[in-house]
Structures are given as structure tokens and as C-alpha cells.
Amino acid sequence: MNQEELWREIKSLPPQAQRELADFVAFLRFRYKPPCPTDKLKKTALADEPFVGMWRDREDMEDSSKWVRATRNREWATS
């Protein structure tokens, strides 16, 4: 089937079927789009991420296990 025949077939469909076909074409375009080139993605070292060291200056976090225990006791204590 050439493009002209295909176009005639599409035009002969009811409007709802034409919308479904358009949705299906959009789905196929999404499914078969070329992958993003990964070499353009900027790779950042984990140590350079902004969240690394965010609790560095907190004295209560020097012993994280102790902090977790205290928090659990405080939050889950039965009164």
C-alpha cells in the first residue's frame, strides 16, 4: 500500500477511529524515538553533589546510631 492509498483509507475511517489512529501513531513515535545520547549528560562526582555534607556541622549527628536511637525513643515512646 502506497502513501496515497493509505491516506485514502485513513480518510474513509470515522472521526473516532481517526483519533484512535492518531493516538496510536503518537504512541509509536514515542516508543521508537531514538535514545538520548548519554555522552551529552553531565556526570557529576558524588562528592560534588550539593547534599553531601549537609549535616557536617551538626553536633547531634556525630554519632548517628545514638541519634537514631534517641529519635526512635522520643517518637515511639509509649506514654
N, C-alpha and C. Protein backbone atom coordinates (compact mmCIF):
# COMPACT_ATOMS: atom_id res chain seq x y z
N MET A 1 0.86 -1.17 0.00
CA MET A 1 0.00 0.00 0.00
C MET A 1 0.90 1.23 0.00
N ASN A 2 0.68 2.11 -0.96
CA ASN A 2 1.49 3.32 -1.01
C ASN A 2 0.86 4.42 -0.13
N GLN A 3 1.52 5.55 -0.05
CA GLN A 3 1.06 6.61 0.85
C GLN A 3 -0.30 7.16 0.45
N GLU A 4 -0.54 7.28 -0.84
CA GLU A 4 -1.84 7.81 -1.29
C GLU A 4 -2.98 6.87 -0.92
N GLU A 5 -2.78 5.58 -1.10
CA GLU A 5 -3.81 4.61 -0.72
C GLU A 5 -4.02 4.61 0.79
N LEU A 6 -2.94 4.70 1.51
CA LEU A 6 -3.03 4.74 2.97
C LEU A 6 -3.80 5.98 3.42
N TRP A 7 -3.51 7.11 2.82
CA TRP A 7 -4.21 8.34 3.17
C TRP A 7 -5.71 8.22 2.90
N ARG A 8 -6.07 7.62 1.76
CA ARG A 8 -7.49 7.42 1.43
C ARG A 8 -8.16 6.51 2.46
N GLU A 9 -7.46 5.46 2.88
CA GLU A 9 -8.01 4.55 3.88
C GLU A 9 -8.24 5.29 5.21
N ILE A 10 -7.29 6.10 5.58
CA ILE A 10 -7.43 6.85 6.83
C ILE A 10 -8.60 7.82 6.75
N LYS A 11 -8.72 8.52 5.64
CA LYS A 11 -9.81 9.49 5.47
C LYS A 11 -11.18 8.82 5.45
N SER A 12 -11.22 7.54 5.07
CA SER A 12 -12.50 6.84 5.00
C SER A 12 -12.97 6.35 6.38
N LEU A 13 -12.08 6.41 7.37
CA LEU A 13 -12.45 5.98 8.72
C LEU A 13 -13.34 7.01 9.39
N PRO A 14 -14.20 6.58 10.32
CA PRO A 14 -14.99 7.55 11.09
C PRO A 14 -14.08 8.40 11.97
N PRO A 15 -14.55 9.60 12.38
CA PRO A 15 -13.69 10.50 13.16
C PRO A 15 -13.08 9.87 14.41
N GLN A 16 -13.86 9.06 15.13
CA GLN A 16 -13.33 8.41 16.34
C GLN A 16 -12.16 7.49 16.00
N ALA A 17 -12.28 6.74 14.93
CA ALA A 17 -11.21 5.84 14.52
C ALA A 17 -9.98 6.63 14.08
N GLN A 18 -10.19 7.78 13.44
CA GLN A 18 -9.06 8.62 13.04
C GLN A 18 -8.32 9.15 14.28
N ARG A 19 -9.08 9.51 15.33
CA ARG A 19 -8.45 9.97 16.58
C ARG A 19 -7.66 8.84 17.23
N GLU A 20 -8.23 7.63 17.21
CA GLU A 20 -7.52 6.48 17.77
C GLU A 20 -6.24 6.21 17.00
N LEU A 21 -6.32 6.34 15.69
CA LEU A 21 -5.14 6.13 14.85
C LEU A 21 -4.08 7.19 15.17
N ALA A 22 -4.50 8.43 15.34
CA ALA A 22 -3.56 9.50 15.69
C ALA A 22 -2.90 9.20 17.03
N ASP A 23 -3.68 8.72 18.01
CA ASP A 23 -3.11 8.36 19.31
C ASP A 23 -2.10 7.22 19.16
N PHE A 24 -2.44 6.26 18.31
CA PHE A 24 -1.55 5.12 18.12
C PHE A 24 -0.25 5.56 17.45
N VAL A 25 -0.35 6.46 16.50
CA VAL A 25 0.85 6.98 15.84
C VAL A 25 1.72 7.72 16.85
N ALA A 26 1.10 8.52 17.73
CA ALA A 26 1.86 9.22 18.77
C ALA A 26 2.56 8.21 19.69
N PHE A 27 1.86 7.15 20.05
CA PHE A 27 2.45 6.10 20.87
C PHE A 27 3.66 5.48 20.18
N LEU A 28 3.52 5.15 18.88
CA LEU A 28 4.63 4.54 18.14
C LEU A 28 5.82 5.49 18.03
N ARG A 29 5.54 6.78 17.81
CA ARG A 29 6.64 7.75 17.73
C ARG A 29 7.39 7.80 19.06
N PHE A 30 6.65 7.76 20.17
CA PHE A 30 7.30 7.76 21.49
C PHE A 30 8.10 6.49 21.72
N ARG A 31 7.50 5.36 21.36
CA ARG A 31 8.14 4.06 21.60
C ARG A 31 9.41 3.89 20.79
N TYR A 32 9.42 4.39 19.58
CA TYR A 32 10.56 4.17 18.69
C TYR A 32 11.42 5.41 18.50
N LYS A 33 11.29 6.40 19.39
CA LYS A 33 12.15 7.57 19.23
C LYS A 33 13.58 7.18 19.54
N PRO A 34 14.52 7.85 18.89
CA PRO A 34 15.91 7.49 19.14
C PRO A 34 16.31 7.83 20.57
N PRO A 35 17.15 7.01 21.16
CA PRO A 35 17.55 7.25 22.55
C PRO A 35 18.39 8.53 22.66
N CYS A 36 18.32 9.12 23.84
CA CYS A 36 19.12 10.31 24.11
C CYS A 36 20.59 9.90 24.14
N PRO A 37 21.42 10.68 23.51
CA PRO A 37 22.85 10.35 23.61
C PRO A 37 23.34 10.59 25.03
N THR A 38 23.95 9.57 25.61
CA THR A 38 24.39 9.66 27.00
C THR A 38 25.65 10.49 27.15
N ASP A 39 26.40 10.68 26.07
CA ASP A 39 27.63 11.44 26.20
C ASP A 39 27.36 12.92 26.45
N LYS A 40 26.15 13.40 26.20
CA LYS A 40 25.82 14.79 26.44
C LYS A 40 25.44 15.04 27.90
N LEU A 41 25.14 13.97 28.65
CA LEU A 41 24.78 14.12 30.04
C LEU A 41 26.01 14.46 30.86
N LYS A 42 25.85 15.45 31.71
CA LYS A 42 26.96 15.85 32.55
C LYS A 42 27.05 14.90 33.73
N LYS A 43 28.18 14.29 33.90
CA LYS A 43 28.38 13.37 35.01
C LYS A 43 29.07 14.13 36.14
N THR A 44 28.43 14.11 37.30
CA THR A 44 28.97 14.81 38.45
C THR A 44 29.44 13.78 39.47
N ALA A 45 30.57 14.06 40.04
CA ALA A 45 31.07 13.18 41.10
C ALA A 45 30.16 13.28 42.30
N LEU A 46 29.95 12.18 42.97
CA LEU A 46 29.06 12.16 44.14
C LEU A 46 29.51 13.17 45.18
N ALA A 47 30.78 13.32 45.38
CA ALA A 47 31.29 14.26 46.38
C ALA A 47 30.94 15.71 46.03
N ASP A 48 30.65 15.98 44.77
CA ASP A 48 30.31 17.34 44.34
C ASP A 48 28.81 17.63 44.39
N GLU A 49 28.01 16.64 44.77
CA GLU A 49 26.57 16.85 44.87
C GLU A 49 26.28 17.77 46.06
N PRO A 50 25.28 18.65 45.91
CA PRO A 50 25.01 19.64 46.97
C PRO A 50 24.60 19.03 48.31
N PHE A 51 24.00 17.85 48.31
CA PHE A 51 23.53 17.28 49.57
C PHE A 51 24.65 16.65 50.40
N VAL A 52 25.78 16.37 49.78
CA VAL A 52 26.87 15.72 50.51
C VAL A 52 27.42 16.69 51.56
N GLY A 53 27.43 16.24 52.78
CA GLY A 53 27.97 17.03 53.88
C GLY A 53 26.99 18.02 54.48
N MET A 54 25.71 17.87 54.15
CA MET A 54 24.75 18.86 54.64
C MET A 54 24.57 18.81 56.15
N TRP A 55 24.93 17.70 56.78
CA TRP A 55 24.81 17.60 58.24
C TRP A 55 26.19 17.62 58.90
N ARG A 56 27.17 18.06 58.19
CA ARG A 56 28.55 18.02 58.66
C ARG A 56 28.73 18.78 59.98
N ASP A 57 28.09 19.91 60.12
CA ASP A 57 28.31 20.77 61.29
C ASP A 57 27.34 20.51 62.43
N ARG A 58 26.51 19.48 62.32
CA ARG A 58 25.55 19.20 63.38
C ARG A 58 26.19 18.33 64.45
N GLU A 59 26.28 18.88 65.62
CA GLU A 59 26.92 18.15 66.72
C GLU A 59 26.11 16.93 67.14
N ASP A 60 24.79 17.01 67.01
CA ASP A 60 23.94 15.88 67.41
C ASP A 60 24.05 14.70 66.46
N MET A 61 24.71 14.88 65.33
CA MET A 61 24.85 13.80 64.35
C MET A 61 26.24 13.16 64.37
N GLU A 62 27.05 13.52 65.34
CA GLU A 62 28.40 12.93 65.40
C GLU A 62 28.33 11.42 65.54
N ASP A 63 27.40 10.94 66.35
CA ASP A 63 27.16 9.50 66.49
C ASP A 63 25.76 9.23 65.94
N SER A 64 25.69 8.85 64.68
CA SER A 64 24.39 8.70 64.03
C SER A 64 23.53 7.60 64.66
N SER A 65 24.16 6.54 65.13
CA SER A 65 23.40 5.46 65.78
C SER A 65 22.73 5.97 67.05
N LYS A 66 23.47 6.75 67.83
CA LYS A 66 22.92 7.33 69.05
C LYS A 66 21.76 8.27 68.72
N TRP A 67 21.91 9.04 67.67
CA TRP A 67 20.86 9.97 67.25
C TRP A 67 19.60 9.22 66.85
N VAL A 68 19.77 8.14 66.08
CA VAL A 68 18.61 7.34 65.64
C VAL A 68 17.91 6.72 66.85
N ARG A 69 18.68 6.15 67.78
CA ARG A 69 18.08 5.56 68.98
C ARG A 69 17.29 6.61 69.76
N ALA A 70 17.88 7.78 69.95
CA ALA A 70 17.20 8.84 70.70
C ALA A 70 15.93 9.30 69.98
N THR A 71 15.99 9.41 68.69
CA THR A 71 14.81 9.83 67.91
C THR A 71 13.72 8.77 68.00
N ARG A 72 14.09 7.51 67.88
CA ARG A 72 13.09 6.44 67.99
C ARG A 72 12.46 6.43 69.38
N ASN A 73 13.29 6.57 70.40
CA ASN A 73 12.76 6.60 71.76
C ASN A 73 11.80 7.75 71.95
N ARG A 74 12.15 8.91 71.42
CA ARG A 74 11.33 10.10 71.57
C ARG A 74 10.01 9.96 70.79
N GLU A 75 10.08 9.45 69.56
CA GLU A 75 8.90 9.37 68.70
C GLU A 75 8.01 8.17 69.00
N TRP A 76 8.61 7.07 69.43
CA TRP A 76 7.83 5.85 69.61
C TRP A 76 7.58 5.51 71.08
N ALA A 77 7.97 6.41 71.95
CA ALA A 77 7.77 6.14 73.38
C ALA A 77 6.29 6.07 73.69
N THR A 78 5.94 5.10 74.49
CA THR A 78 4.54 4.98 74.92
C THR A 78 4.37 5.75 76.20
N SER A 79 3.36 6.55 76.24
CA SER A 79 3.13 7.39 77.41
C SER A 79 2.20 6.73 78.38
